[in-house]
Amino acid sequence: MEDRLDAVNQQPDLNLVVISNRIAPFDPNKPQTGGLAAGLEPVVERSGAVWIGSSETRGDGIERPLPLVPTGAGHVARLDLPAADHAGYYRGYSNSTLWPALHSLPDRMSASQEDYGSYRRINDFIARAAFDVRDRDAFWVHDYHLLPLGAELKDLGVERPTGFFLHTPWPTPDMIECVPNHRELMKSMLKYDLLGFQTNRDLNNFLACLRTHFGLESKDGIVTTESGQTRLQKFPIGIDPEQFAAYLAADLSPAEQEKVSSLLQEFQGAKFAIGVDRLDYTKGIDKRVEAFNELLKKEPQSISLLQIAPSSRADVEEYQKYKEDVENAINHVNDDHGTDEWRPIHYTNDSFNQAALARLYRAAHVGVVTPLRDGMNLVAKEYVAAQVPEDPGVLVLSKFAGAAEDFNEDEALLVDPNDPKEVADAISRAANMPLEERVKRWRSMMDKIESYTIHDWSADYVRELDKPFRLISALLSVAAGPTWLRCRCTGTMPRRWPPTTRSTPRMSP
């Protein structure tokens, strides 16, 4: 018996289905398309998972066999999402309603009931496509585009464990109340067996929303409803430091080498800070430019900023306006503080692959990561991983980024991104920090990065997703021999495990 229970604690070997809106390019020479893609690519390549997501082509909505393409040890299936609903699903409800709400920016929100209808229909379309691989061991769904997907899978009769991981923040109860259909969405989220969040703050906000809007309480991290039980847990996403070291050693293509060399020549050995963000209003780039303006008023020509900001959602008016605002602010600072020989802010919308970014991170004296809100922000961890151990740079980090829960004030310089003076003072302090203090701060952060990698994150999540099923498997196999193994392989397990109890309040349908 003890031997069987010991096996429960080992990492499960699952045939996993990963589902997200976006899929990584799986090409080291192409730029990553965000933290989600960067996080999941190594999981799929190493584990043999099937990754289902959106293609760049819009379809007619007709169901077709899942288009599986081998990728590393796994497979990728890019779906042509229905053209009739895509704009309402993606540009509308996902990115004009949920995205600003989840980042606690209600003034950026817009919504329509038509958009919500498109959002639900796209989720239903993806669920029906994923039904083709229903015999795999578990489903792991990602991010705000797919909040109700688990409920759609259950309604189709999928019996396997389903988990969800939120890469963005989760807001407070009064903020989520601004979202149309928020109660329906949260009810559907509780159809998942496991809900994962980046930070304790996000997890606690979600639990507060359950108390406020449904009168539900959790017990030992479990919420019980009419549908069964849902476990809630924090899983802080990491990076692969070994892979990042390999990026630093890798040869760049001639085109990437030219881009990197051209940028670095602009600084000619002078101190500079680096910011790498999608051109999104949640990233606080406009506030960062204000901070540099404040800094240069006090300390003229003391440090430059290299701001890399690939365009994001360029067809959305809100983002077009933000791009104009950022570029106008940069021009203002450069006009006020620049000279014929020196430019304060070097700004580009170019994308760079990971190997090129690693070299730029390493050359920068300060990493400036100051989003207004962020789920984790892997740029913060990548900047640290790229540093020279004997002469590292300093990380200036928003206290509202998820990474601030990993890196304390003795490691990163934590700031309020809405306070330009505070950010300016931190950048100045970072640029002038003594070597001994820089090394001490860097070493402590690097130890954390190395001790909990992207592979630990994915393994912990999958282990937790499979835990009740493994426990039941171990217990029942002792009592019933191989019968349970046959049951699991044919998908005839009870619909929700562990069984529903009545120890906590129940949510009405």
Protein backbone atom coordinates (compact mmCIF):
# COMPACT_ATOMS: atom_id res chain seq x y z
CA MET A 1 0.00 0.00 0.00
CA GLU A 2 2.77 2.46 0.93
CA ASP A 3 4.56 1.77 -2.34
CA ARG A 4 1.39 2.55 -4.29
CA LEU A 5 0.79 5.80 -2.39
CA ASP A 6 4.43 6.81 -2.91
CA ALA A 7 3.79 6.53 -6.63
CA VAL A 8 0.99 9.07 -6.25
CA ASN A 9 3.56 11.71 -5.35
CA GLN A 10 5.54 11.23 -8.52
CA GLN A 11 5.03 13.46 -11.53
CA PRO A 12 2.26 12.08 -13.76
CA ASP A 13 3.01 10.99 -17.29
CA LEU A 14 -0.11 12.37 -18.98
CA ASN A 15 -1.17 12.56 -22.59
CA LEU A 16 -2.08 16.21 -22.25
CA VAL A 17 -4.22 18.53 -24.40
CA VAL A 18 -3.19 22.19 -24.14
CA ILE A 19 -5.66 24.79 -25.46
CA SER A 20 -5.07 28.52 -25.89
CA ASN A 21 -6.01 31.28 -28.30
CA ARG A 22 -2.45 31.78 -29.53
CA ILE A 23 0.20 29.18 -30.38
CA ALA A 24 3.96 29.73 -30.32
CA PRO A 25 5.80 29.90 -33.68
CA PHE A 26 8.12 26.99 -32.74
CA ASP A 27 10.92 28.77 -34.61
CA PRO A 28 13.93 30.08 -32.64
CA ASN A 29 14.54 32.69 -35.33
CA LYS A 30 11.09 34.21 -34.90
CA PRO A 31 10.09 36.53 -32.05
CA GLN A 32 7.92 35.12 -29.30
CA THR A 33 4.36 36.41 -29.31
CA GLY A 34 3.96 36.89 -25.56
CA GLY A 35 4.44 35.26 -22.19
CA LEU A 36 1.86 32.54 -22.76
CA ALA A 37 3.52 31.31 -25.96
CA ALA A 38 6.97 31.48 -24.40
CA GLY A 39 5.74 29.49 -21.41
CA LEU A 40 3.94 26.72 -23.25
CA GLU A 41 6.30 26.06 -26.17
CA PRO A 42 8.84 24.03 -24.12
CA VAL A 43 6.01 22.18 -22.36
CA VAL A 44 4.60 20.90 -25.65
CA GLU A 45 7.97 20.18 -27.24
CA ARG A 46 9.12 18.07 -24.30
CA SER A 47 5.92 16.42 -23.08
CA GLY A 48 4.30 15.20 -26.27
CA ALA A 49 1.16 17.25 -25.64
CA VAL A 50 -1.37 18.26 -28.28
CA TRP A 51 -1.61 22.08 -28.46
CA ILE A 52 -4.82 23.49 -29.94
CA GLY A 53 -5.17 27.17 -30.82
CA SER A 54 -6.03 29.71 -33.47
CA SER A 55 -4.48 29.96 -36.91
CA GLU A 56 -4.00 33.21 -38.80
CA THR A 57 -6.82 32.23 -41.19
CA ARG A 58 -10.53 32.72 -40.60
CA GLY A 59 -12.89 29.89 -41.45
CA ASP A 60 -16.53 29.18 -42.27
CA GLY A 61 -17.39 27.57 -38.94
CA ILE A 62 -17.84 24.10 -40.39
CA GLU A 63 -16.44 21.36 -38.17
CA ARG A 64 -13.54 19.42 -39.63
CA PRO A 65 -11.10 16.80 -38.27
CA LEU A 66 -8.49 18.27 -35.96
CA PRO A 67 -5.48 19.31 -38.14
CA LEU A 68 -2.68 17.73 -36.09
CA VAL A 69 0.90 18.59 -37.14
CA PRO A 70 3.92 16.95 -35.40
CA THR A 71 6.00 19.46 -33.43
CA GLY A 72 8.91 18.16 -31.34
CA ALA A 73 7.53 15.35 -29.24
CA GLY A 74 4.03 16.81 -29.47
CA HIS A 75 1.46 17.95 -32.00
CA VAL A 76 -0.04 21.34 -32.86
CA ALA A 77 -3.53 21.95 -34.27
CA ARG A 78 -4.18 25.46 -35.61
CA LEU A 79 -7.90 26.10 -36.04
CA ASP A 80 -9.44 28.48 -38.58
CA LEU A 81 -11.81 30.22 -36.19
CA PRO A 82 -15.16 31.27 -37.70
CA ALA A 83 -14.90 34.63 -39.46
CA ALA A 84 -18.44 35.62 -38.51
CA ASP A 85 -17.63 35.64 -34.78
CA HIS A 86 -13.90 36.25 -34.62
CA ALA A 87 -13.95 40.05 -34.34
CA GLY A 88 -16.54 40.01 -31.55
CA TYR A 89 -14.68 37.21 -29.73
CA TYR A 90 -11.14 38.56 -30.01
CA ARG A 91 -11.17 42.30 -30.57
CA GLY A 92 -14.52 42.77 -28.86
CA TYR A 93 -15.20 40.79 -25.72
CA SER A 94 -11.71 39.38 -25.05
CA ASN A 95 -9.64 42.50 -25.61
CA SER A 96 -12.03 45.43 -25.27
CA THR A 97 -13.95 44.08 -22.27
CA LEU A 98 -12.07 41.38 -20.38
CA TRP A 99 -8.50 42.60 -20.93
CA PRO A 100 -8.96 46.10 -19.44
CA ALA A 101 -11.21 44.76 -16.67
CA LEU A 102 -8.72 42.10 -15.61
CA HIS A 103 -6.04 44.81 -15.48
CA SER A 104 -8.33 47.08 -13.40
CA LEU A 105 -8.64 49.77 -16.08
CA PRO A 106 -12.41 50.33 -16.38
CA ASP A 107 -12.02 53.53 -18.41
CA ARG A 108 -10.56 51.42 -21.24
CA MET A 109 -13.55 49.07 -21.37
CA SER A 110 -16.21 48.79 -24.03
CA ALA A 111 -18.74 46.01 -24.39
CA SER A 112 -21.72 44.74 -26.33
CA GLN A 113 -24.02 41.77 -25.93
CA GLU A 114 -23.23 40.79 -29.53
CA ASP A 115 -19.54 40.51 -28.62
CA TYR A 116 -20.36 38.23 -25.71
CA GLY A 117 -22.42 35.99 -28.00
CA SER A 118 -19.45 35.72 -30.39
CA TYR A 119 -17.14 34.96 -27.47
CA ARG A 120 -19.31 32.05 -26.35
CA ARG A 121 -19.77 30.68 -29.88
CA ILE A 122 -16.00 30.66 -30.52
CA ASN A 123 -15.44 28.85 -27.22
CA ASP A 124 -18.05 26.29 -28.26
CA PHE A 125 -16.36 25.88 -31.67
CA ILE A 126 -12.95 25.23 -30.04
CA ALA A 127 -14.47 22.78 -27.55
CA ARG A 128 -16.11 20.79 -30.34
CA ALA A 129 -12.79 20.66 -32.20
CA ALA A 130 -11.00 19.47 -29.04
CA PHE A 131 -13.59 16.70 -28.64
CA ASP A 132 -11.60 14.80 -31.28
CA VAL A 133 -8.90 14.16 -28.66
CA ARG A 134 -11.29 13.49 -25.77
CA ASP A 135 -9.54 10.20 -24.95
CA ARG A 136 -6.35 11.97 -23.88
CA ASP A 137 -5.71 12.04 -20.14
CA ALA A 138 -6.36 15.70 -19.29
CA PHE A 139 -7.14 19.15 -20.73
CA TRP A 140 -5.20 22.28 -19.75
CA VAL A 141 -6.85 25.51 -20.94
CA HIS A 142 -5.13 28.89 -20.91
CA ASP A 143 -6.07 32.51 -20.44
CA TYR A 144 -8.98 34.92 -20.55
CA HIS A 145 -10.03 34.18 -24.13
CA LEU A 146 -11.25 30.76 -22.98
CA LEU A 147 -12.82 31.22 -19.55
CA PRO A 148 -15.94 29.12 -20.37
CA LEU A 149 -14.20 26.43 -22.44
CA GLY A 150 -14.09 23.92 -19.60
CA ALA A 151 -17.86 24.15 -19.18
CA GLU A 152 -18.28 23.59 -22.92
CA LEU A 153 -16.06 20.48 -22.74
CA LYS A 154 -18.06 19.08 -19.82
CA ASP A 155 -21.35 19.75 -21.62
CA LEU A 156 -20.05 17.77 -24.59
CA GLY A 157 -19.40 14.82 -22.29
CA VAL A 158 -15.63 15.09 -21.82
CA GLU A 159 -14.87 13.15 -18.63
CA ARG A 160 -11.17 13.83 -18.30
CA PRO A 161 -9.74 16.30 -15.76
CA THR A 162 -9.89 19.88 -17.02
CA GLY A 163 -7.73 22.68 -15.68
CA PHE A 164 -7.47 26.39 -16.41
CA PHE A 165 -4.54 28.76 -15.92
CA LEU A 166 -4.97 32.55 -15.98
CA HIS A 167 -1.91 34.40 -17.29
CA THR A 168 -3.36 37.85 -16.50
CA PRO A 169 -4.24 39.32 -13.11
CA TRP A 170 -7.68 38.74 -11.59
CA PRO A 171 -9.33 41.92 -10.22
CA THR A 172 -11.33 42.79 -7.12
CA PRO A 173 -15.09 42.08 -6.77
CA ASP A 174 -16.16 45.64 -7.63
CA MET A 175 -14.02 45.60 -10.78
CA ILE A 176 -15.25 42.24 -12.10
CA GLU A 177 -18.80 43.49 -11.58
CA CYS A 178 -18.17 45.93 -14.46
CA VAL A 179 -17.90 42.97 -16.85
CA PRO A 180 -21.14 42.05 -18.62
CA ASN A 181 -22.16 38.45 -17.89
CA HIS A 182 -19.52 38.18 -15.16
CA ARG A 183 -21.67 35.86 -13.04
CA GLU A 184 -22.23 33.48 -15.93
CA LEU A 185 -18.51 33.50 -16.73
CA MET A 186 -17.46 32.76 -13.15
CA LYS A 187 -20.01 29.95 -12.89
CA SER A 188 -18.55 28.41 -16.03
CA MET A 189 -15.02 28.71 -14.59
CA LEU A 190 -16.13 26.60 -11.64
CA LYS A 191 -16.76 23.72 -14.05
CA TYR A 192 -12.97 23.29 -14.24
CA ASP A 193 -11.40 20.82 -11.83
CA LEU A 194 -8.45 23.14 -11.17
CA LEU A 195 -8.05 26.91 -11.48
CA GLY A 196 -4.49 28.26 -11.44
CA PHE A 197 -3.37 31.84 -10.83
CA GLN A 198 0.01 33.60 -11.05
CA THR A 199 0.03 35.18 -7.58
CA ASN A 200 -1.59 35.06 -4.15
CA ARG A 201 -3.15 38.46 -4.89
CA ASP A 202 -4.95 37.11 -7.95
CA LEU A 203 -6.08 33.96 -6.13
CA ASN A 204 -7.36 35.97 -3.16
CA ASN A 205 -9.18 38.39 -5.46
CA PHE A 206 -10.97 35.49 -7.15
CA LEU A 207 -11.97 34.01 -3.80
CA ALA A 208 -13.25 37.44 -2.73
CA CYS A 209 -15.34 37.57 -5.94
CA LEU A 210 -16.85 34.17 -5.11
CA ARG A 211 -17.78 35.38 -1.61
CA THR A 212 -19.17 38.71 -2.79
CA HIS A 213 -21.12 37.58 -5.84
CA PHE A 214 -22.14 34.01 -4.87
CA GLY A 215 -21.70 33.66 -1.11
CA LEU A 216 -19.23 30.85 -1.72
CA GLU A 217 -16.32 30.03 0.57
CA SER A 218 -13.33 27.82 -0.06
CA LYS A 219 -12.17 25.13 2.31
CA ASP A 220 -8.57 23.95 2.04
CA GLY A 221 -8.39 25.56 -1.42
CA ILE A 222 -11.55 23.79 -2.67
CA VAL A 223 -14.85 25.39 -3.68
CA THR A 224 -17.92 23.16 -3.80
CA THR A 225 -20.86 23.87 -6.12
CA GLU A 226 -23.73 21.93 -7.68
CA SER A 227 -21.28 20.90 -10.42
CA GLY A 228 -18.79 19.34 -8.05
CA GLN A 229 -15.52 20.62 -6.63
CA THR A 230 -12.96 23.02 -8.03
CA ARG A 231 -9.49 23.41 -6.57
CA LEU A 232 -7.82 26.83 -6.65
CA GLN A 233 -4.07 27.33 -6.35
CA LYS A 234 -1.19 29.67 -7.15
CA PHE A 235 1.35 28.58 -9.80
CA PRO A 236 3.91 31.34 -10.50
CA ILE A 237 5.25 30.88 -14.02
CA GLY A 238 9.02 30.87 -14.58
CA ILE A 239 11.51 30.71 -17.44
CA ASP A 240 14.10 28.18 -18.56
CA PRO A 241 17.45 29.70 -17.46
CA GLU A 242 19.47 27.00 -19.22
CA GLN A 243 17.70 27.75 -22.48
CA PHE A 244 18.29 31.45 -21.95
CA ALA A 245 21.99 30.81 -21.44
CA ALA A 246 21.93 28.91 -24.72
CA TYR A 247 20.38 31.96 -26.42
CA LEU A 248 23.32 34.05 -25.26
CA ALA A 249 25.75 31.55 -26.77
CA ALA A 250 23.84 31.08 -30.01
CA ASP A 251 24.90 32.70 -33.27
CA LEU A 252 22.58 35.38 -34.58
CA SER A 253 21.46 35.50 -38.17
CA PRO A 254 23.15 38.29 -40.15
CA ALA A 255 19.92 40.32 -40.09
CA GLU A 256 19.48 40.02 -36.32
CA GLN A 257 23.17 40.72 -35.73
CA GLU A 258 22.87 43.90 -37.76
CA LYS A 259 19.80 45.02 -35.78
CA VAL A 260 21.52 44.40 -32.43
CA SER A 261 24.83 45.99 -33.43
CA SER A 262 23.09 49.03 -34.84
CA LEU A 263 21.20 49.62 -31.61
CA LEU A 264 24.20 49.11 -29.34
CA GLN A 265 26.30 51.49 -31.41
CA GLU A 266 23.80 54.21 -30.55
CA PHE A 267 24.93 54.08 -26.94
CA GLN A 268 28.69 53.87 -27.57
CA GLY A 269 29.45 52.45 -24.15
CA ALA A 270 27.26 54.93 -22.24
CA LYS A 271 24.76 53.79 -19.63
CA PHE A 272 21.34 52.78 -20.86
CA ALA A 273 18.19 51.14 -19.53
CA ILE A 274 16.02 48.74 -21.49
CA GLY A 275 12.26 48.24 -21.68
CA VAL A 276 10.73 45.42 -23.74
CA ASP A 277 6.95 45.43 -23.93
CA ARG A 278 4.14 44.92 -26.37
CA LEU A 279 2.72 48.34 -27.26
CA ASP A 280 -0.18 47.91 -24.85
CA TYR A 281 -1.64 50.46 -22.43
CA THR A 282 -1.29 48.01 -19.52
CA LYS A 283 2.50 48.10 -19.86
CA GLY A 284 2.89 51.66 -18.59
CA ILE A 285 5.25 52.78 -21.35
CA ASP A 286 3.82 56.31 -21.34
CA LYS A 287 4.40 56.58 -17.58
CA ARG A 288 7.94 55.24 -18.04
CA VAL A 289 8.67 58.00 -20.56
CA GLU A 290 7.39 60.54 -18.01
CA ALA A 291 9.80 59.07 -15.47
CA PHE A 292 12.75 59.53 -17.84
CA ASN A 293 11.67 63.11 -18.36
CA GLU A 294 11.77 63.65 -14.59
CA LEU A 295 15.14 61.93 -14.29
CA LEU A 296 16.78 63.96 -17.05
CA LYS A 297 15.57 67.22 -15.53
CA LYS A 298 17.65 66.39 -12.44
CA GLU A 299 20.49 64.48 -14.07
CA PRO A 300 20.96 65.62 -17.69
CA GLN A 301 22.43 63.04 -20.07
CA SER A 302 22.90 60.56 -17.22
CA ILE A 303 21.27 57.54 -18.87
CA SER A 304 19.36 56.63 -22.05
CA LEU A 305 16.40 54.33 -22.56
CA LEU A 306 16.12 51.67 -25.24
CA GLN A 307 12.38 51.02 -25.58
CA ILE A 308 11.44 48.02 -27.73
CA ALA A 309 7.68 48.02 -28.28
CA PRO A 310 6.31 45.74 -31.02
CA SER A 311 2.87 46.86 -32.13
CA SER A 312 -0.09 45.09 -30.54
CA ARG A 313 -3.69 44.94 -31.79
CA ALA A 314 -2.90 47.66 -34.29
CA ASP A 315 -6.39 47.47 -35.78
CA VAL A 316 -8.00 48.57 -32.49
CA GLU A 317 -8.59 52.31 -32.17
CA GLU A 318 -7.69 52.33 -28.48
CA TYR A 319 -4.26 50.92 -29.30
CA GLN A 320 -3.70 53.29 -32.21
CA LYS A 321 -4.34 56.21 -29.87
CA TYR A 322 -1.99 54.79 -27.25
CA LYS A 323 0.77 54.39 -29.85
CA GLU A 324 0.36 58.06 -30.82
CA ASP A 325 0.48 59.14 -27.18
CA VAL A 326 3.65 57.16 -26.48
CA GLU A 327 5.43 58.42 -29.59
CA ASN A 328 4.44 62.03 -28.90
CA ALA A 329 5.77 61.73 -25.34
CA ILE A 330 9.06 60.23 -26.58
CA ASN A 331 9.49 63.02 -29.14
CA HIS A 332 8.86 65.58 -26.41
CA VAL A 333 11.57 64.12 -24.16
CA ASN A 334 14.04 63.80 -27.02
CA ASP A 335 13.40 67.41 -28.09
CA ASP A 336 13.76 68.76 -24.55
CA HIS A 337 16.78 66.76 -23.40
CA GLY A 338 18.59 65.53 -26.50
CA THR A 339 21.54 67.07 -28.29
CA ASP A 340 23.08 66.61 -31.71
CA GLU A 341 25.33 63.94 -30.24
CA TRP A 342 23.01 62.31 -27.68
CA ARG A 343 19.41 61.03 -27.76
CA PRO A 344 17.65 60.18 -24.48
CA ILE A 345 15.15 57.59 -25.78
CA HIS A 346 15.75 55.13 -28.60
CA TYR A 347 12.42 53.66 -29.66
CA THR A 348 11.60 50.86 -32.06
CA ASN A 349 8.55 48.79 -32.98
CA ASP A 350 10.76 46.00 -34.37
CA SER A 351 10.45 42.50 -32.97
CA PHE A 352 13.54 40.57 -31.88
CA ASN A 353 14.06 36.86 -31.34
CA GLN A 354 15.10 35.57 -27.92
CA ALA A 355 18.81 35.35 -28.76
CA ALA A 356 18.89 38.98 -29.88
CA LEU A 357 16.92 40.14 -26.83
CA ALA A 358 19.28 38.25 -24.54
CA ARG A 359 22.23 40.27 -25.87
CA LEU A 360 20.37 43.54 -25.47
CA TYR A 361 19.32 42.65 -21.92
CA ARG A 362 22.92 41.80 -21.05
CA ALA A 363 24.27 45.09 -22.40
CA ALA A 364 21.72 47.24 -20.50
CA HIS A 365 22.70 48.62 -17.10
CA VAL A 366 19.08 48.76 -15.91
CA GLY A 367 16.02 46.67 -16.77
CA VAL A 368 12.83 48.74 -16.51
CA VAL A 369 9.70 46.60 -16.12
CA THR A 370 6.90 48.91 -15.00
CA PRO A 371 3.47 47.63 -16.13
CA LEU A 372 0.39 49.13 -14.52
CA ARG A 373 -0.73 45.54 -13.88
CA ASP A 374 0.67 42.23 -15.11
CA GLY A 375 0.03 38.56 -14.47
CA MET A 376 3.73 37.71 -14.09
CA ASN A 377 5.93 39.47 -16.68
CA LEU A 378 8.62 37.10 -17.90
CA VAL A 379 10.74 39.98 -19.26
CA ALA A 380 11.69 40.71 -15.66
CA LYS A 381 13.03 37.19 -15.23
CA GLU A 382 14.67 37.12 -18.65
CA TYR A 383 16.53 40.37 -17.90
CA VAL A 384 17.93 38.88 -14.70
CA ALA A 385 18.88 35.61 -16.41
CA ALA A 386 20.82 37.48 -19.13
CA GLN A 387 23.16 39.35 -16.80
CA VAL A 388 26.92 38.86 -16.41
CA PRO A 389 27.32 37.40 -12.90
CA GLU A 390 30.42 39.48 -12.14
CA ASP A 391 28.86 42.77 -13.27
CA PRO A 392 25.06 42.50 -13.38
CA GLY A 393 22.51 45.17 -14.11
CA VAL A 394 19.67 46.15 -11.78
CA LEU A 395 15.97 45.40 -12.18
CA VAL A 396 13.44 48.19 -11.61
CA LEU A 397 10.10 46.43 -11.23
CA SER A 398 6.48 47.50 -10.84
CA LYS A 399 5.02 46.36 -7.55
CA PHE A 400 1.85 45.49 -9.54
CA ALA A 401 3.59 42.92 -11.74
CA GLY A 402 3.24 39.33 -10.64
CA ALA A 403 7.03 39.04 -10.58
CA ALA A 404 7.05 41.44 -7.63
CA GLU A 405 5.63 38.61 -5.51
CA ASP A 406 8.68 36.53 -6.47
CA PHE A 407 11.32 39.28 -6.15
CA ASN A 408 11.34 41.28 -2.92
CA GLU A 409 12.62 44.81 -2.22
CA ASP A 410 16.08 43.47 -1.33
CA GLU A 411 16.36 42.09 -4.87
CA ALA A 412 14.53 44.30 -7.37
CA LEU A 413 13.83 48.00 -6.89
CA LEU A 414 10.05 47.91 -6.51
CA VAL A 415 8.11 50.97 -7.66
CA ASP A 416 4.62 52.35 -8.22
CA PRO A 417 4.47 52.61 -12.03
CA ASN A 418 1.95 55.46 -11.77
CA ASP A 419 4.45 57.69 -9.94
CA PRO A 420 7.01 59.06 -12.45
CA LYS A 421 9.15 60.58 -9.70
CA GLU A 422 9.41 57.28 -7.82
CA VAL A 423 10.33 55.43 -11.02
CA ALA A 424 12.88 58.13 -11.92
CA ASP A 425 14.53 57.89 -8.51
CA ALA A 426 14.71 54.09 -8.79
CA ILE A 427 16.32 54.24 -12.26
CA SER A 428 18.89 56.74 -10.96
CA ARG A 429 19.63 54.55 -7.96
CA ALA A 430 19.96 51.49 -10.19
CA ALA A 431 22.31 53.23 -12.61
CA ASN A 432 24.59 54.30 -9.77
CA MET A 433 24.38 51.23 -7.53
CA PRO A 434 27.72 49.88 -6.21
CA LEU A 435 28.92 46.61 -7.70
CA GLU A 436 28.71 44.67 -4.43
CA GLU A 437 25.03 45.51 -3.97
CA ARG A 438 24.23 44.76 -7.61
CA VAL A 439 25.82 41.32 -7.36
CA LYS A 440 24.02 40.52 -4.09
CA ARG A 441 20.61 41.49 -5.48
CA TRP A 442 21.18 39.66 -8.74
CA ARG A 443 22.42 36.47 -7.10
CA SER A 444 19.35 36.24 -4.90
CA MET A 445 16.98 36.68 -7.86
CA MET A 446 18.91 34.25 -10.01
CA ASP A 447 18.77 31.61 -7.29
CA LYS A 448 14.99 31.87 -7.35
CA ILE A 449 14.83 31.70 -11.14
CA GLU A 450 17.00 28.57 -11.16
CA SER A 451 15.09 26.91 -8.33
CA TYR A 452 11.66 27.21 -9.99
CA THR A 453 11.71 27.05 -13.79
CA ILE A 454 9.06 26.87 -16.47
CA HIS A 455 9.37 23.09 -16.29
CA ASP A 456 8.70 23.10 -12.54
CA TRP A 457 5.65 25.30 -13.16
CA SER A 458 4.16 22.99 -15.76
CA ALA A 459 5.00 19.83 -13.80
CA ASP A 460 3.46 21.22 -10.61
CA TYR A 461 0.29 22.24 -12.42
CA VAL A 462 -0.16 18.92 -14.22
CA ARG A 463 0.63 16.99 -11.05
CA GLU A 464 -2.02 18.96 -9.18
CA LEU A 465 -4.53 18.53 -12.00
CA ASP A 466 -4.06 14.77 -11.90
CA LYS A 467 -3.77 14.43 -8.11
CA PRO A 468 -7.32 13.30 -7.18
CA PHE A 469 -7.35 10.83 -10.07
CA ARG A 470 -3.96 9.41 -9.10
CA LEU A 471 -5.02 9.10 -5.46
CA ILE A 472 -8.22 7.32 -6.41
CA SER A 473 -6.26 5.15 -8.84
CA ALA A 474 -3.82 4.12 -6.12
CA LEU A 475 -6.54 3.36 -3.60
CA LEU A 476 -8.88 1.51 -5.96
CA SER A 477 -6.13 -0.47 -7.63
CA VAL A 478 -5.25 -1.87 -4.21
CA ALA A 479 -8.84 -2.98 -3.73
CA ALA A 480 -9.76 -3.93 -7.29
CA GLY A 481 -6.55 -4.84 -9.07
CA PRO A 482 -6.35 -3.85 -12.72
CA THR A 483 -10.07 -2.96 -13.04
CA TRP A 484 -9.44 0.73 -12.30
CA LEU A 485 -6.78 0.95 -14.96
CA ARG A 486 -9.25 -0.33 -17.54
CA CYS A 487 -11.83 2.13 -16.26
CA ARG A 488 -9.48 5.07 -16.62
CA CYS A 489 -8.34 4.14 -20.10
CA THR A 490 -11.92 3.89 -21.37
CA GLY A 491 -13.02 7.11 -19.76
CA THR A 492 -15.71 5.60 -17.50
CA MET A 493 -14.58 7.31 -14.31
CA PRO A 494 -17.19 9.29 -12.36
CA ARG A 495 -17.76 12.73 -13.87
CA ARG A 496 -16.37 14.83 -11.02
CA TRP A 497 -13.73 13.71 -8.53
CA PRO A 498 -13.41 14.03 -5.62
CA PRO A 499 -17.14 13.47 -4.94
CA THR A 500 -19.27 16.49 -4.05
CA THR A 501 -19.61 17.10 -0.33
CA ARG A 502 -21.97 19.40 1.55
CA SER A 503 -19.39 20.95 3.87
CA THR A 504 -19.37 24.31 2.10
CA PRO A 505 -22.07 26.52 0.59
CA ARG A 506 -23.45 25.37 -2.73
CA MET A 507 -24.10 27.62 -5.71
CA SER A 508 -27.49 27.50 -7.36
CA PRO A 509 -27.55 26.96 -11.12
